[in-house]
Amino acid sequence: MGAAAKIANEYLKAFYSGDVAGARATVTEDFSFTGPFVQTSSRDAFFQSAAPLARIVRGHRLLKQWEDGDDVCSFYELNLETPAGKGAVLMSEWHTVRRSKLVSARVVFDTAAFRALVPTR
């Protein structure tokens, strides 16, 4: 595992275990995030948008990871537990690392599988 994958894994472990301070420490202030439901361009905006996940996330299981220089692509199962049920959603996340911090992340997943566990109001 190279330096970029190590940082991406530190972030994933911290984020999905509820260690917000640890996850924040791995990203830059101008961290940009793109996902199916949220697009942000700052660390504060990202963590504010992600705060509701803390109540339902029950960890993740890394399935496969590739590293290419400063880019890391990870496939993992996100474990969720909500009033609608328990289950795992297959996720893919692409991180870019600069100077030992994540500068961006792009997440792709099946929104129908996510919404089955996290219905909109």
Protein backbone atom coordinates (compact mmCIF):
# COMPACT_ATOMS: atom_id res chain seq x y z
CA MET A 1 0.00 0.00 0.00
CA GLY A 2 1.36 3.39 -0.98
CA ALA A 3 1.12 6.74 0.79
CA ALA A 4 -2.07 7.85 -0.97
CA ALA A 5 -3.92 4.61 -0.16
CA LYS A 6 -2.80 4.84 3.45
CA ILE A 7 -4.35 8.31 3.77
CA ALA A 8 -7.55 7.24 1.99
CA ASN A 9 -7.86 4.27 4.35
CA GLU A 10 -7.25 6.45 7.42
CA TYR A 11 -10.09 8.68 6.25
CA LEU A 12 -12.48 5.79 5.47
CA LYS A 13 -11.79 4.10 8.79
CA ALA A 14 -12.27 7.30 10.78
CA PHE A 15 -15.32 8.50 8.83
CA TYR A 16 -17.21 5.20 8.96
CA SER A 17 -16.39 4.55 12.62
CA GLY A 18 -17.79 7.92 13.71
CA ASP A 19 -14.41 9.55 14.40
CA VAL A 20 -15.26 12.94 12.90
CA ALA A 21 -12.15 14.64 14.28
CA GLY A 22 -9.94 11.92 12.82
CA ALA A 23 -11.67 12.12 9.43
CA ARG A 24 -11.44 15.94 9.39
CA ALA A 25 -7.71 15.71 10.08
CA THR A 26 -7.17 13.80 6.81
CA VAL A 27 -8.75 16.39 4.47
CA THR A 28 -7.79 19.90 3.34
CA GLU A 29 -9.86 22.99 4.16
CA ASP A 30 -10.86 23.30 0.49
CA PHE A 31 -11.80 19.59 0.24
CA SER A 32 -14.24 19.05 -2.62
CA PHE A 33 -16.80 16.27 -2.57
CA THR A 34 -19.16 15.03 -5.26
CA GLY A 35 -21.81 12.40 -4.65
CA PRO A 36 -25.34 11.57 -5.81
CA PHE A 37 -26.98 13.77 -3.16
CA VAL A 38 -24.31 16.31 -2.14
CA GLN A 39 -21.65 18.44 -3.81
CA THR A 40 -19.45 20.63 -1.61
CA SER A 41 -16.23 22.60 -1.92
CA SER A 42 -15.09 22.94 1.69
CA ARG A 43 -14.26 20.66 4.59
CA ASP A 44 -16.81 22.35 6.84
CA ALA A 45 -19.63 22.08 4.30
CA PHE A 46 -18.85 18.42 3.67
CA PHE A 47 -18.84 17.40 7.32
CA GLN A 48 -21.98 19.41 7.99
CA SER A 49 -23.76 17.60 5.14
CA ALA A 50 -22.51 14.20 6.35
CA ALA A 51 -23.45 14.67 10.03
CA PRO A 52 -26.83 12.86 9.78
CA LEU A 53 -25.06 9.68 8.62
CA ALA A 54 -23.54 9.21 12.09
CA ARG A 55 -26.87 7.89 13.41
CA ILE A 56 -27.18 5.13 10.79
CA VAL A 57 -23.67 4.09 9.69
CA ARG A 58 -22.39 0.84 11.18
CA GLY A 59 -18.98 0.68 9.52
CA HIS A 60 -17.65 -0.40 6.16
CA ARG A 61 -15.88 -3.37 4.60
CA LEU A 62 -13.22 -2.69 1.99
CA LEU A 63 -13.58 -5.04 -0.98
CA LYS A 64 -10.96 -3.81 -3.45
CA GLN A 65 -8.66 -0.83 -3.84
CA TRP A 66 -6.41 0.56 -6.57
CA GLU A 67 -3.79 3.24 -6.30
CA ASP A 68 -2.37 5.28 -9.17
CA GLY A 69 0.00 7.98 -7.96
CA ASP A 70 -2.07 10.44 -5.93
CA ASP A 71 -5.39 8.79 -6.88
CA VAL A 72 -7.04 5.97 -4.96
CA CYS A 73 -10.19 4.11 -5.97
CA SER A 74 -11.94 1.99 -3.33
CA PHE A 75 -14.88 -0.39 -3.57
CA TYR A 76 -16.51 -1.11 -0.24
CA GLU A 77 -19.75 -2.08 1.40
CA LEU A 78 -21.28 0.58 3.64
CA ASN A 79 -23.22 -1.01 6.49
CA LEU A 80 -26.35 0.86 7.51
CA GLU A 81 -28.97 0.37 10.20
CA THR A 82 -32.11 2.48 10.02
CA PRO A 83 -35.76 2.20 11.05
CA ALA A 84 -36.35 0.78 7.54
CA GLY A 85 -33.88 -2.09 8.16
CA LYS A 86 -30.26 -3.21 8.09
CA GLY A 87 -28.17 -3.72 5.00
CA ALA A 88 -25.07 -2.94 2.99
CA VAL A 89 -24.79 -0.60 0.02
CA LEU A 90 -21.97 -1.11 -2.49
CA MET A 91 -19.98 2.11 -2.81
CA SER A 92 -17.11 3.30 -4.98
CA GLU A 93 -15.02 6.25 -3.88
CA TRP A 94 -12.24 8.02 -5.76
CA HIS A 95 -9.87 10.10 -3.64
CA THR A 96 -7.11 12.45 -4.71
CA VAL A 97 -4.28 13.14 -2.27
CA ARG A 98 -1.90 16.10 -2.25
CA ARG A 99 0.73 16.79 0.41
CA SER A 100 -0.55 13.94 2.62
CA LYS A 101 -4.18 15.16 2.72
CA LEU A 102 -7.29 14.34 0.74
CA VAL A 103 -8.18 17.21 -1.59
CA SER A 104 -11.18 15.60 -3.24
CA ALA A 105 -13.54 12.67 -3.18
CA ARG A 106 -16.11 11.41 -5.64
CA VAL A 107 -18.61 8.77 -4.50
CA VAL A 108 -20.77 6.60 -6.74
CA PHE A 109 -23.42 4.16 -5.51
CA ASP A 110 -26.85 2.75 -6.28
CA THR A 111 -29.18 5.39 -4.90
CA ALA A 112 -32.16 2.99 -5.02
CA ALA A 113 -30.40 0.56 -2.67
CA PHE A 114 -29.51 3.45 -0.36
CA ARG A 115 -33.06 4.88 -0.42
CA ALA A 116 -34.49 1.44 0.42
CA LEU A 117 -32.70 1.78 3.78
CA VAL A 118 -32.88 5.57 4.05
CA PRO A 119 -36.20 6.68 2.57
CA THR A 120 -36.84 10.36 1.94
CA ARG A 121 -39.57 12.01 3.94
